[in-house]
Amino acid sequence: MANSEDLQWRNIDLNLLVTFSYLYRYRSVSIAADKSFVSQSAMSHSLGRLRQLFDDPLFVRKGHKMEPTEHAHHIAPTVSQLLDSITHNLLTKAHFSPSNYTGVCRIGLTDYAEFIFAPAIYDQIRQQAPSAQISFINVNRSNYVQLTEQDKLDVVIGSMPVLDDEFESQYLYTEKHVCLADAKALGLADKLTLEVFAGIEQALVSPDGSLATQVDKKLAEHGLSRHVTVASRNFLTVRSLLKQRRLIAIVPEKMAQAQGFDDSLTTFTPPVAVADFDIAMLWHSSRASEEKNIWLRSLVEQVIVGEKD
């Protein structure tokens, strides 16, 4: 037989294995040709290529039949196994079932989205896919494209004003802002005036570390300015700073209303216009028709749209 190292595998036609399978089953060139929907001459030509490939006659004529050689009998189980494997493992797409899924759901979230929704998404995935694992990956508007490819993210959740061309998105809801402060430490009444707001030292939840926002421009229109003394991208840091300090922060409403804190902070309606922002779910276009991705997108929508209500 030819040494496998000498074979040019890229030139081997897998149809030759199908030809072998039909010849071995029917022991006839004409019947094998008929079952394969090819001409008898084409079948004979394929047999010639098989003989060259395996360096063996493979089938010899005895009466009206083409009887397999000893080597043909030897390789027949392997050929059958290969064809079955290609059919069932390579060419047949398994139906996705959450209840049987044992892989990983990789979800990219901004700091905001992870803080608000990660627990509920975790619970829902574990309920529907109890054998799945969940990986939450921190992303932002400048790196979500790169991290989706790098970490094979299924979906991304957050505020992404500019959508990359290779992504699709689904709007989930619009978030508002509120002012958050320790009313007792500041001696604040129920209503927060523009002048009082501008006179309080301020903390910022700042994804990029900036110490200024559009709020400063709005205050300037009224001839006012504010003194920002600290910024952090982490909401929990800002929230801990507000307790028992003469500080105030403008934060997303869902962050301010989150449960589980014993800091007795109070929310106020901002006395200055603060732009709302949209929360969306994104996914790479190549994953749009994947059954797992469709299931996960539906689950995330159910969790988040339900949560906002």
C-alpha atoms as a PDB file:
ATOM      1  CA  MET A   1       0.000   0.000   0.000  1.00  0.00           C
ATOM      2  CA  ALA A   2       1.060   3.585  -0.476  1.00  0.00           C
ATOM      3  CA  ASN A   3       2.600   5.281   2.518  1.00  0.00           C
ATOM      4  CA  SER A   4       0.083   7.707   4.032  1.00  0.00           C
ATOM      5  CA  GLU A   5       2.751  10.390   4.099  1.00  0.00           C
ATOM      6  CA  ASP A   6       2.932  10.197   0.294  1.00  0.00           C
ATOM      7  CA  LEU A   7      -0.805  10.722  -0.204  1.00  0.00           C
ATOM      8  CA  GLN A   8      -2.035  14.127  -1.290  1.00  0.00           C
ATOM      9  CA  TRP A   9      -5.083  14.233   0.983  1.00  0.00           C
ATOM     10  CA  ARG A  10      -6.445  17.410  -0.536  1.00  0.00           C
ATOM     11  CA  ASN A  11      -6.878  15.522  -3.813  1.00  0.00           C
ATOM     12  CA  ILE A  12      -8.888  12.668  -2.288  1.00  0.00           C
ATOM     13  CA  ASP A  13     -12.574  12.802  -3.113  1.00  0.00           C
ATOM     14  CA  LEU A  14     -14.730  11.586  -0.228  1.00  0.00           C
ATOM     15  CA  ASN A  15     -17.170  10.349  -2.848  1.00  0.00           C
ATOM     16  CA  LEU A  16     -14.709   7.510  -3.405  1.00  0.00           C
ATOM     17  CA  LEU A  17     -15.629   6.185   0.041  1.00  0.00           C
ATOM     18  CA  VAL A  18     -19.277   6.273  -0.983  1.00  0.00           C
ATOM     19  CA  THR A  19     -18.359   4.393  -4.178  1.00  0.00           C
ATOM     20  CA  PHE A  20     -16.574   1.755  -2.122  1.00  0.00           C
ATOM     21  CA  SER A  21     -19.587   1.456   0.188  1.00  0.00           C
ATOM     22  CA  TYR A  22     -22.000   0.836  -2.721  1.00  0.00           C
ATOM     23  CA  LEU A  23     -19.689  -1.631  -4.444  1.00  0.00           C
ATOM     24  CA  TYR A  24     -19.148  -3.528  -1.206  1.00  0.00           C
ATOM     25  CA  ARG A  25     -22.872  -3.653  -0.531  1.00  0.00           C
ATOM     26  CA  TYR A  26     -24.141  -4.602  -3.999  1.00  0.00           C
ATOM     27  CA  ARG A  27     -21.097  -6.452  -5.445  1.00  0.00           C
ATOM     28  CA  SER A  28     -21.997  -5.041  -8.869  1.00  0.00           C
ATOM     29  CA  VAL A  29     -20.693  -2.058 -10.820  1.00  0.00           C
ATOM     30  CA  SER A  30     -23.986  -1.582 -12.664  1.00  0.00           C
ATOM     31  CA  ILE A  31     -26.178  -1.771  -9.547  1.00  0.00           C
ATOM     32  CA  ALA A  32     -23.814   0.470  -7.567  1.00  0.00           C
ATOM     33  CA  ALA A  33     -23.909   2.977 -10.427  1.00  0.00           C
ATOM     34  CA  ASP A  34     -27.708   2.891 -10.499  1.00  0.00           C
ATOM     35  CA  LYS A  35     -27.991   3.392  -6.739  1.00  0.00           C
ATOM     36  CA  SER A  36     -25.482   6.251  -6.883  1.00  0.00           C
ATOM     37  CA  PHE A  37     -27.270   7.920  -9.833  1.00  0.00           C
ATOM     38  CA  VAL A  38     -24.096   7.895 -11.957  1.00  0.00           C
ATOM     39  CA  SER A  39     -23.227   6.144 -15.204  1.00  0.00           C
ATOM     40  CA  GLN A  40     -21.627   2.714 -15.222  1.00  0.00           C
ATOM     41  CA  SER A  41     -18.509   4.154 -16.848  1.00  0.00           C
ATOM     42  CA  ALA A  42     -18.243   6.772 -14.069  1.00  0.00           C
ATOM     43  CA  MET A  43     -18.534   4.012 -11.480  1.00  0.00           C
ATOM     44  CA  SER A  44     -15.827   1.998 -13.239  1.00  0.00           C
ATOM     45  CA  HIS A  45     -13.616   5.081 -13.324  1.00  0.00           C
ATOM     46  CA  SER A  46     -14.139   5.610  -9.555  1.00  0.00           C
ATOM     47  CA  LEU A  47     -13.263   1.958  -8.936  1.00  0.00           C
ATOM     48  CA  GLY A  48     -10.018   2.516 -10.806  1.00  0.00           C
ATOM     49  CA  ARG A  49      -9.212   5.504  -8.589  1.00  0.00           C
ATOM     50  CA  LEU A  50     -10.047   3.463  -5.496  1.00  0.00           C
ATOM     51  CA  ARG A  51      -7.672   0.710  -6.577  1.00  0.00           C
ATOM     52  CA  GLN A  52      -4.936   3.273  -7.094  1.00  0.00           C
ATOM     53  CA  LEU A  53      -5.640   4.947  -3.756  1.00  0.00           C
ATOM     54  CA  PHE A  54      -5.573   1.724  -1.744  1.00  0.00           C
ATOM     55  CA  ASP A  55      -3.004  -0.070  -3.928  1.00  0.00           C
ATOM     56  CA  ASP A  56      -5.284  -3.113  -4.061  1.00  0.00           C
ATOM     57  CA  PRO A  57      -7.809  -4.556  -6.577  1.00  0.00           C
ATOM     58  CA  LEU A  58     -10.499  -4.296  -3.872  1.00  0.00           C
ATOM     59  CA  PHE A  59     -13.134  -6.026  -6.055  1.00  0.00           C
ATOM     60  CA  VAL A  60     -12.509  -8.868  -8.532  1.00  0.00           C
ATOM     61  CA  ARG A  61     -15.022 -10.341 -10.937  1.00  0.00           C
ATOM     62  CA  LYS A  62     -16.261 -13.842 -10.154  1.00  0.00           C
ATOM     63  CA  GLY A  63     -19.129 -14.802 -12.409  1.00  0.00           C
ATOM     64  CA  HIS A  64     -21.693 -12.003 -12.320  1.00  0.00           C
ATOM     65  CA  LYS A  65     -20.411 -10.503  -9.076  1.00  0.00           C
ATOM     66  CA  MET A  66     -17.569  -8.279  -8.005  1.00  0.00           C
ATOM     67  CA  GLU A  67     -16.229 -10.059  -4.940  1.00  0.00           C
ATOM     68  CA  PRO A  68     -14.310  -8.041  -2.321  1.00  0.00           C
ATOM     69  CA  THR A  69     -10.669  -8.861  -1.749  1.00  0.00           C
ATOM     70  CA  GLU A  70      -9.321  -9.613   1.706  1.00  0.00           C
ATOM     71  CA  HIS A  71      -8.174  -6.018   2.027  1.00  0.00           C
ATOM     72  CA  ALA A  72     -11.623  -4.740   1.008  1.00  0.00           C
ATOM     73  CA  HIS A  73     -13.156  -6.824   3.792  1.00  0.00           C
ATOM     74  CA  HIS A  74     -10.556  -5.403   6.163  1.00  0.00           C
ATOM     75  CA  ILE A  75     -11.247  -1.722   5.422  1.00  0.00           C
ATOM     76  CA  ALA A  76     -15.030  -1.998   4.953  1.00  0.00           C
ATOM     77  CA  PRO A  77     -15.891  -1.450   8.674  1.00  0.00           C
ATOM     78  CA  THR A  78     -13.638   1.619   8.818  1.00  0.00           C
ATOM     79  CA  VAL A  79     -15.166   3.110   5.657  1.00  0.00           C
ATOM     80  CA  SER A  80     -18.665   2.507   7.032  1.00  0.00           C
ATOM     81  CA  GLN A  81     -17.733   4.106  10.348  1.00  0.00           C
ATOM     82  CA  LEU A  82     -16.231   7.135   8.603  1.00  0.00           C
ATOM     83  CA  LEU A  83     -19.320   7.688   6.452  1.00  0.00           C
ATOM     84  CA  ASP A  84     -21.627   7.327   9.460  1.00  0.00           C
ATOM     85  CA  SER A  85     -19.511   9.763  11.441  1.00  0.00           C
ATOM     86  CA  ILE A  86     -19.542  12.319   8.624  1.00  0.00           C
ATOM     87  CA  THR A  87     -23.306  11.956   8.232  1.00  0.00           C
ATOM     88  CA  HIS A  88     -24.260  12.116  11.895  1.00  0.00           C
ATOM     89  CA  ASN A  89     -21.507  14.210  13.463  1.00  0.00           C
ATOM     90  CA  LEU A  90     -20.422  16.550  10.688  1.00  0.00           C
ATOM     91  CA  LEU A  91     -23.372  17.050   8.363  1.00  0.00           C
ATOM     92  CA  THR A  92     -26.270  16.659  10.792  1.00  0.00           C
ATOM     93  CA  LYS A  93     -26.913  19.708  12.927  1.00  0.00           C
ATOM     94  CA  ALA A  94     -28.022  18.761  16.430  1.00  0.00           C
ATOM     95  CA  HIS A  95     -31.152  20.506  17.697  1.00  0.00           C
ATOM     96  CA  PHE A  96     -30.379  22.833  20.605  1.00  0.00           C
ATOM     97  CA  SER A  97     -32.079  21.919  23.861  1.00  0.00           C
ATOM     98  CA  PRO A  98     -31.514  24.197  26.881  1.00  0.00           C
ATOM     99  CA  SER A  99     -32.363  21.405  29.311  1.00  0.00           C
ATOM    100  CA  ASN A 100     -29.550  19.266  27.866  1.00  0.00           C
ATOM    101  CA  TYR A 101     -27.028  22.044  27.225  1.00  0.00           C
ATOM    102  CA  THR A 102     -23.712  21.558  29.035  1.00  0.00           C
ATOM    103  CA  GLY A 103     -21.717  24.399  27.480  1.00  0.00           C
ATOM    104  CA  VAL A 104     -21.060  28.008  28.459  1.00  0.00           C
ATOM    105  CA  CYS A 105     -23.274  31.057  27.937  1.00  0.00           C
ATOM    106  CA  ARG A 106     -20.883  33.967  27.404  1.00  0.00           C
ATOM    107  CA  ILE A 107     -22.550  37.318  28.033  1.00  0.00           C
ATOM    108  CA  GLY A 108     -20.897  40.706  27.702  1.00  0.00           C
ATOM    109  CA  LEU A 109     -22.282  43.442  29.948  1.00  0.00           C
ATOM    110  CA  THR A 110     -21.395  47.015  30.738  1.00  0.00           C
ATOM    111  CA  ASP A 111     -20.813  47.809  34.446  1.00  0.00           C
ATOM    112  CA  TYR A 112     -24.359  49.140  34.662  1.00  0.00           C
ATOM    113  CA  ALA A 113     -25.985  46.115  33.008  1.00  0.00           C
ATOM    114  CA  GLU A 114     -23.929  43.597  34.998  1.00  0.00           C
ATOM    115  CA  PHE A 115     -24.785  45.250  38.308  1.00  0.00           C
ATOM    116  CA  ILE A 116     -28.493  45.387  37.539  1.00  0.00           C
ATOM    117  CA  PHE A 117     -29.198  42.220  35.569  1.00  0.00           C
ATOM    118  CA  ALA A 118     -26.492  39.579  36.101  1.00  0.00           C
ATOM    119  CA  PRO A 119     -28.239  37.854  39.049  1.00  0.00           C
ATOM    120  CA  ALA A 120     -31.598  37.605  37.284  1.00  0.00           C
ATOM    121  CA  ILE A 121     -30.008  36.386  34.034  1.00  0.00           C
ATOM    122  CA  TYR A 122     -28.024  33.798  35.985  1.00  0.00           C
ATOM    123  CA  ASP A 123     -31.165  32.517  37.717  1.00  0.00           C
ATOM    124  CA  GLN A 124     -33.135  32.257  34.477  1.00  0.00           C
ATOM    125  CA  ILE A 125     -30.367  30.438  32.593  1.00  0.00           C
ATOM    126  CA  ARG A 126     -29.889  28.001  35.467  1.00  0.00           C
ATOM    127  CA  GLN A 127     -33.613  27.366  35.567  1.00  0.00           C
ATOM    128  CA  GLN A 128     -33.880  26.577  31.860  1.00  0.00           C
ATOM    129  CA  ALA A 129     -30.412  25.080  31.336  1.00  0.00           C
ATOM    130  CA  PRO A 130     -29.381  23.573  34.704  1.00  0.00           C
ATOM    131  CA  SER A 131     -26.177  22.049  33.326  1.00  0.00           C
ATOM    132  CA  ALA A 132     -24.957  25.249  31.675  1.00  0.00           C
ATOM    133  CA  GLN A 133     -22.220  27.535  32.936  1.00  0.00           C
ATOM    134  CA  ILE A 134     -22.416  31.326  32.711  1.00  0.00           C
ATOM    135  CA  SER A 135     -19.512  33.674  32.059  1.00  0.00           C
ATOM    136  CA  PHE A 136     -20.154  37.401  32.504  1.00  0.00           C
ATOM    137  CA  ILE A 137     -17.574  39.509  30.640  1.00  0.00           C
ATOM    138  CA  ASN A 138     -17.195  43.235  31.359  1.00  0.00           C
ATOM    139  CA  VAL A 139     -17.437  45.270  28.151  1.00  0.00           C
ATOM    140  CA  ASN A 140     -17.858  48.890  27.153  1.00  0.00           C
ATOM    141  CA  ARG A 141     -18.758  50.771  23.993  1.00  0.00           C
ATOM    142  CA  SER A 142     -15.124  50.944  22.840  1.00  0.00           C
ATOM    143  CA  ASN A 143     -14.182  47.266  23.237  1.00  0.00           C
ATOM    144  CA  TYR A 144     -17.340  45.178  22.797  1.00  0.00           C
ATOM    145  CA  VAL A 145     -16.517  44.379  19.158  1.00  0.00           C
ATOM    146  CA  GLN A 146     -13.048  43.118  20.015  1.00  0.00           C
ATOM    147  CA  LEU A 147     -14.173  41.183  23.101  1.00  0.00           C
ATOM    148  CA  THR A 148     -17.079  39.549  21.245  1.00  0.00           C
ATOM    149  CA  GLU A 149     -14.564  37.994  18.864  1.00  0.00           C
ATOM    150  CA  GLN A 150     -11.880  37.350  21.470  1.00  0.00           C
ATOM    151  CA  ASP A 151     -14.126  35.780  24.123  1.00  0.00           C
ATOM    152  CA  LYS A 152     -16.745  34.325  21.738  1.00  0.00           C
ATOM    153  CA  LEU A 153     -19.559  36.296  23.356  1.00  0.00           C
ATOM    154  CA  ASP A 154     -23.093  35.153  22.610  1.00  0.00           C
ATOM    155  CA  VAL A 155     -24.735  38.509  23.372  1.00  0.00           C
ATOM    156  CA  VAL A 156     -23.775  41.935  24.688  1.00  0.00           C
ATOM    157  CA  ILE A 157     -25.998  44.078  26.912  1.00  0.00           C
ATOM    158  CA  GLY A 158     -25.600  47.769  27.584  1.00  0.00           C
ATOM    159  CA  SER A 159     -25.746  51.259  26.145  1.00  0.00           C
ATOM    160  CA  MET A 160     -23.969  51.238  22.790  1.00  0.00           C
ATOM    161  CA  PRO A 161     -24.930  54.384  20.854  1.00  0.00           C
ATOM    162  CA  VAL A 162     -22.940  53.410  17.749  1.00  0.00           C
ATOM    163  CA  LEU A 163     -23.646  49.928  16.379  1.00  0.00           C
ATOM    164  CA  ASP A 164     -20.829  48.163  14.530  1.00  0.00           C
ATOM    165  CA  ASP A 165     -21.727  47.055  10.988  1.00  0.00           C
ATOM    166  CA  GLU A 166     -21.219  43.375  11.834  1.00  0.00           C
ATOM    167  CA  PHE A 167     -23.683  43.445  14.728  1.00  0.00           C
ATOM    168  CA  GLU A 168     -27.439  43.323  15.073  1.00  0.00           C
ATOM    169  CA  SER A 169     -29.281  44.828  18.015  1.00  0.00           C
ATOM    170  CA  GLN A 170     -32.586  44.847  19.858  1.00  0.00           C
ATOM    171  CA  TYR A 171     -33.825  47.816  21.876  1.00  0.00           C
ATOM    172  CA  LEU A 172     -34.788  46.836  25.417  1.00  0.00           C
ATOM    173  CA  TYR A 173     -35.735  50.020  27.272  1.00  0.00           C
ATOM    174  CA  THR A 174     -34.767  53.610  28.042  1.00  0.00           C
ATOM    175  CA  GLU A 175     -33.125  54.468  31.360  1.00  0.00           C
ATOM    176  CA  LYS A 176     -33.536  57.743  33.252  1.00  0.00           C
ATOM    177  CA  HIS A 177     -31.277  59.465  35.778  1.00  0.00           C
ATOM    178  CA  VAL A 178     -31.859  60.521  39.370  1.00  0.00           C
ATOM    179  CA  CYS A 179     -29.830  62.315  42.008  1.00  0.00           C
ATOM    180  CA  LEU A 180     -28.670  60.140  44.914  1.00  0.00           C
ATOM    181  CA  ALA A 181     -27.465  61.461  48.252  1.00  0.00           C
ATOM    182  CA  ASP A 182     -27.479  61.024  52.021  1.00  0.00           C
ATOM    183  CA  ALA A 183     -30.296  63.498  52.725  1.00  0.00           C
ATOM    184  CA  LYS A 184     -29.554  63.525  56.470  1.00  0.00           C
ATOM    185  CA  ALA A 185     -25.875  64.355  55.987  1.00  0.00           C
ATOM    186  CA  LEU A 186     -26.791  67.155  53.593  1.00  0.00           C
ATOM    187  CA  GLY A 187     -29.839  68.404  55.499  1.00  0.00           C
ATOM    188  CA  LEU A 188     -31.877  68.236  52.286  1.00  0.00           C
ATOM    189  CA  ALA A 189     -35.637  68.673  52.058  1.00  0.00           C
ATOM    190  CA  ASP A 190     -37.791  66.748  49.605  1.00  0.00           C
ATOM    191  CA  LYS A 191     -37.195  69.093  46.698  1.00  0.00           C
ATOM    192  CA  LEU A 192     -33.769  69.786  45.236  1.00  0.00           C
ATOM    193  CA  THR A 193     -33.347  73.223  43.662  1.00  0.00           C
ATOM    194  CA  LEU A 194     -30.852  74.035  40.945  1.00  0.00           C
ATOM    195  CA  GLU A 195     -28.879  76.387  43.190  1.00  0.00           C
ATOM    196  CA  VAL A 196     -28.692  73.909  46.072  1.00  0.00           C
ATOM    197  CA  PHE A 197     -27.648  71.118  43.686  1.00  0.00           C
ATOM    198  CA  ALA A 198     -24.839  73.211  42.201  1.00  0.00           C
ATOM    199  CA  GLY A 199     -23.572  74.076  45.671  1.00  0.00           C
ATOM    200  CA  ILE A 200     -23.069  70.466  46.810  1.00  0.00           C
ATOM    201  CA  GLU A 201     -19.789  68.666  46.133  1.00  0.00           C
ATOM    202  CA  GLN A 202     -20.396  65.951  43.578  1.00  0.00           C
ATOM    203  CA  ALA A 203     -19.370  62.404  42.712  1.00  0.00           C
ATOM    204  CA  LEU A 204     -19.565  60.962  39.200  1.00  0.00           C
ATOM    205  CA  VAL A 205     -20.103  57.471  37.885  1.00  0.00           C
ATOM    206  CA  SER A 206     -17.673  57.906  35.006  1.00  0.00           C
ATOM    207  CA  PRO A 207     -16.888  55.044  32.603  1.00  0.00           C
ATOM    208  CA  ASP A 208     -13.851  56.878  31.215  1.00  0.00           C
ATOM    209  CA  GLY A 209     -12.664  58.717  34.312  1.00  0.00           C
ATOM    210  CA  SER A 210     -13.848  62.098  33.058  1.00  0.00           C
ATOM    211  CA  LEU A 211     -14.693  64.705  35.710  1.00  0.00           C
ATOM    212  CA  ALA A 212     -17.132  66.638  33.502  1.00  0.00           C
ATOM    213  CA  THR A 213     -20.363  65.788  31.676  1.00  0.00           C
ATOM    214  CA  GLN A 214     -23.143  67.509  29.757  1.00  0.00           C
ATOM    215  CA  VAL A 215     -24.601  68.521  33.120  1.00  0.00           C
ATOM    216  CA  ASP A 216     -21.811  71.092  33.489  1.00  0.00           C
ATOM    217  CA  LYS A 217     -22.863  72.699  30.195  1.00  0.00           C
ATOM    218  CA  LYS A 218     -26.485  72.786  31.338  1.00  0.00           C
ATOM    219  CA  LEU A 219     -25.506  74.460  34.608  1.00  0.00           C
ATOM    220  CA  ALA A 220     -23.404  77.000  32.704  1.00  0.00           C
ATOM    221  CA  GLU A 221     -26.510  78.000  30.748  1.00  0.00           C
ATOM    222  CA  HIS A 222     -27.968  79.100  34.094  1.00  0.00           C
ATOM    223  CA  GLY A 223     -24.773  80.845  35.126  1.00  0.00           C
ATOM    224  CA  LEU A 224     -23.906  78.093  37.597  1.00  0.00           C
ATOM    225  CA  SER A 225     -21.103  75.592  38.043  1.00  0.00           C
ATOM    226  CA  ARG A 226     -20.522  72.587  40.280  1.00  0.00           C
ATOM    227  CA  HIS A 227     -17.524  71.132  42.089  1.00  0.00           C
ATOM    228  CA  VAL A 228     -16.875  67.488  41.154  1.00  0.00           C
ATOM    229  CA  THR A 229     -14.504  66.063  43.753  1.00  0.00           C
ATOM    230  CA  VAL A 230     -14.410  62.373  42.768  1.00  0.00           C
ATOM    231  CA  ALA A 231     -15.183  60.073  39.841  1.00  0.00           C
ATOM    232  CA  SER A 232     -15.245  56.298  39.563  1.00  0.00           C
ATOM    233  CA  ARG A 233     -16.417  53.860  36.906  1.00  0.00           C
ATOM    234  CA  ASN A 234     -17.758  51.628  39.673  1.00  0.00           C
ATOM    235  CA  PHE A 235     -21.198  52.527  40.956  1.00  0.00           C
ATOM    236  CA  LEU A 236     -20.657  50.652  44.228  1.00  0.00           C
ATOM    237  CA  THR A 237     -17.655  52.866  44.976  1.00  0.00           C
ATOM    238  CA  VAL A 238     -19.679  56.014  44.344  1.00  0.00           C
ATOM    239  CA  ARG A 239     -22.571  54.729  46.427  1.00  0.00           C
ATOM    240  CA  SER A 240     -20.309  53.935  49.379  1.00  0.00           C
ATOM    241  CA  LEU A 241     -18.802  57.429  49.134  1.00  0.00           C
ATOM    242  CA  LEU A 242     -22.222  59.070  49.353  1.00  0.00           C
ATOM    243  CA  LYS A 243     -23.066  57.555  52.734  1.00  0.00           C
ATOM    244  CA  GLN A 244     -22.603  60.046  55.589  1.00  0.00           C
ATOM    245  CA  ARG A 245     -20.813  62.512  53.316  1.00  0.00           C
ATOM    246  CA  ARG A 246     -21.823  65.858  51.894  1.00  0.00           C
ATOM    247  CA  LEU A 247     -21.811  64.497  48.357  1.00  0.00           C
ATOM    248  CA  ILE A 248     -24.412  64.027  45.677  1.00  0.00           C
ATOM    249  CA  ALA A 249     -24.306  62.006  42.440  1.00  0.00           C
ATOM    250  CA  ILE A 250     -26.383  61.687  39.308  1.00  0.00           C
ATOM    251  CA  VAL A 251     -26.853  57.977  38.642  1.00  0.00           C
ATOM    252  CA  PRO A 252     -29.080  55.715  36.514  1.00  0.00           C
ATOM    253  CA  GLU A 253     -32.424  55.208  38.208  1.00  0.00           C
ATOM    254  CA  LYS A 254     -32.143  51.405  38.356  1.00  0.00           C
ATOM    255  CA  MET A 255     -28.810  51.668  40.143  1.00  0.00           C
ATOM    256  CA  ALA A 256     -30.282  54.027  42.721  1.00  0.00           C
ATOM    257  CA  GLN A 257     -33.288  51.754  43.288  1.00  0.00           C
ATOM    258  CA  ALA A 258     -31.269  48.527  43.584  1.00  0.00           C
ATOM    259  CA  GLN A 259     -32.098  46.418  46.637  1.00  0.00           C
ATOM    260  CA  GLY A 260     -29.756  45.147  49.317  1.00  0.00           C
ATOM    261  CA  PHE A 261     -28.239  48.385  50.628  1.00  0.00           C
ATOM    262  CA  ASP A 262     -28.571  49.654  54.205  1.00  0.00           C
ATOM    263  CA  ASP A 263     -27.163  53.115  53.526  1.00  0.00           C
ATOM    264  CA  SER A 264     -30.544  54.916  53.657  1.00  0.00           C
ATOM    265  CA  LEU A 265     -29.695  57.070  50.646  1.00  0.00           C
ATOM    266  CA  THR A 266     -32.438  59.187  49.081  1.00  0.00           C
ATOM    267  CA  THR A 267     -33.244  59.824  45.430  1.00  0.00           C
ATOM    268  CA  PHE A 268     -34.186  63.255  44.085  1.00  0.00           C
ATOM    269  CA  THR A 269     -35.408  64.430  40.718  1.00  0.00           C
ATOM    270  CA  PRO A 270     -32.495  66.172  38.982  1.00  0.00           C
ATOM    271  CA  PRO A 271     -33.105  69.942  38.806  1.00  0.00           C
ATOM    272  CA  VAL A 272     -31.200  70.030  35.526  1.00  0.00           C
ATOM    273  CA  ALA A 273     -31.962  68.130  32.301  1.00  0.00           C
ATOM    274  CA  VAL A 274     -29.986  64.895  32.078  1.00  0.00           C
ATOM    275  CA  ALA A 275     -30.215  62.873  28.855  1.00  0.00           C
ATOM    276  CA  ASP A 276     -31.790  59.434  29.025  1.00  0.00           C
ATOM    277  CA  PHE A 277     -29.960  56.488  27.492  1.00  0.00           C
ATOM    278  CA  ASP A 278     -31.137  53.369  25.689  1.00  0.00           C
ATOM    279  CA  ILE A 279     -30.247  49.863  26.798  1.00  0.00           C
ATOM    280  CA  ALA A 280     -29.955  47.331  23.996  1.00  0.00           C
ATOM    281  CA  MET A 281     -28.908  43.754  23.390  1.00  0.00           C
ATOM    282  CA  LEU A 282     -26.340  43.146  20.633  1.00  0.00           C
ATOM    283  CA  TRP A 283     -25.057  40.033  18.898  1.00  0.00           C
ATOM    284  CA  HIS A 284     -22.719  39.312  16.004  1.00  0.00           C
ATOM    285  CA  SER A 285     -24.630  38.824  12.751  1.00  0.00           C
ATOM    286  CA  SER A 286     -22.983  35.434  12.212  1.00  0.00           C
ATOM    287  CA  ARG A 287     -24.815  34.106  15.287  1.00  0.00           C
ATOM    288  CA  ALA A 288     -28.238  35.458  14.372  1.00  0.00           C
ATOM    289  CA  SER A 289     -29.727  32.130  13.252  1.00  0.00           C
ATOM    290  CA  GLU A 290     -28.039  29.868  15.841  1.00  0.00           C
ATOM    291  CA  GLU A 291     -30.631  28.071  17.977  1.00  0.00           C
ATOM    292  CA  LYS A 292     -28.656  28.656  21.176  1.00  0.00           C
ATOM    293  CA  ASN A 293     -28.344  32.360  20.400  1.00  0.00           C
ATOM    294  CA  ILE A 294     -32.047  32.700  19.605  1.00  0.00           C
ATOM    295  CA  TRP A 295     -32.915  31.016  22.919  1.00  0.00           C
ATOM    296  CA  LEU A 296     -30.500  33.185  24.894  1.00  0.00           C
ATOM    297  CA  ARG A 297     -31.731  36.410  23.287  1.00  0.00           C
ATOM    298  CA  SER A 298     -35.315  35.484  24.128  1.00  0.00           C
ATOM    299  CA  LEU A 299     -34.316  34.701  27.708  1.00  0.00           C
ATOM    300  CA  VAL A 300     -32.440  38.002  28.140  1.00  0.00           C
ATOM    301  CA  GLU A 301     -35.359  39.959  26.698  1.00  0.00           C
ATOM    302  CA  GLN A 302     -37.756  38.225  29.074  1.00  0.00           C
ATOM    303  CA  VAL A 303     -35.550  38.973  32.076  1.00  0.00           C
ATOM    304  CA  ILE A 304     -34.759  42.596  31.260  1.00  0.00           C
ATOM    305  CA  VAL A 305     -38.065  43.773  29.842  1.00  0.00           C
ATOM    306  CA  GLY A 306     -39.785  42.031  32.740  1.00  0.00           C
ATOM    307  CA  GLU A 307     -37.386  43.598  35.255  1.00  0.00           C
ATOM    308  CA  LYS A 308     -38.012  47.112  34.031  1.00  0.00           C
ATOM    309  CA  ASP A 309     -41.702  46.686  34.707  1.00  0.00           C
END
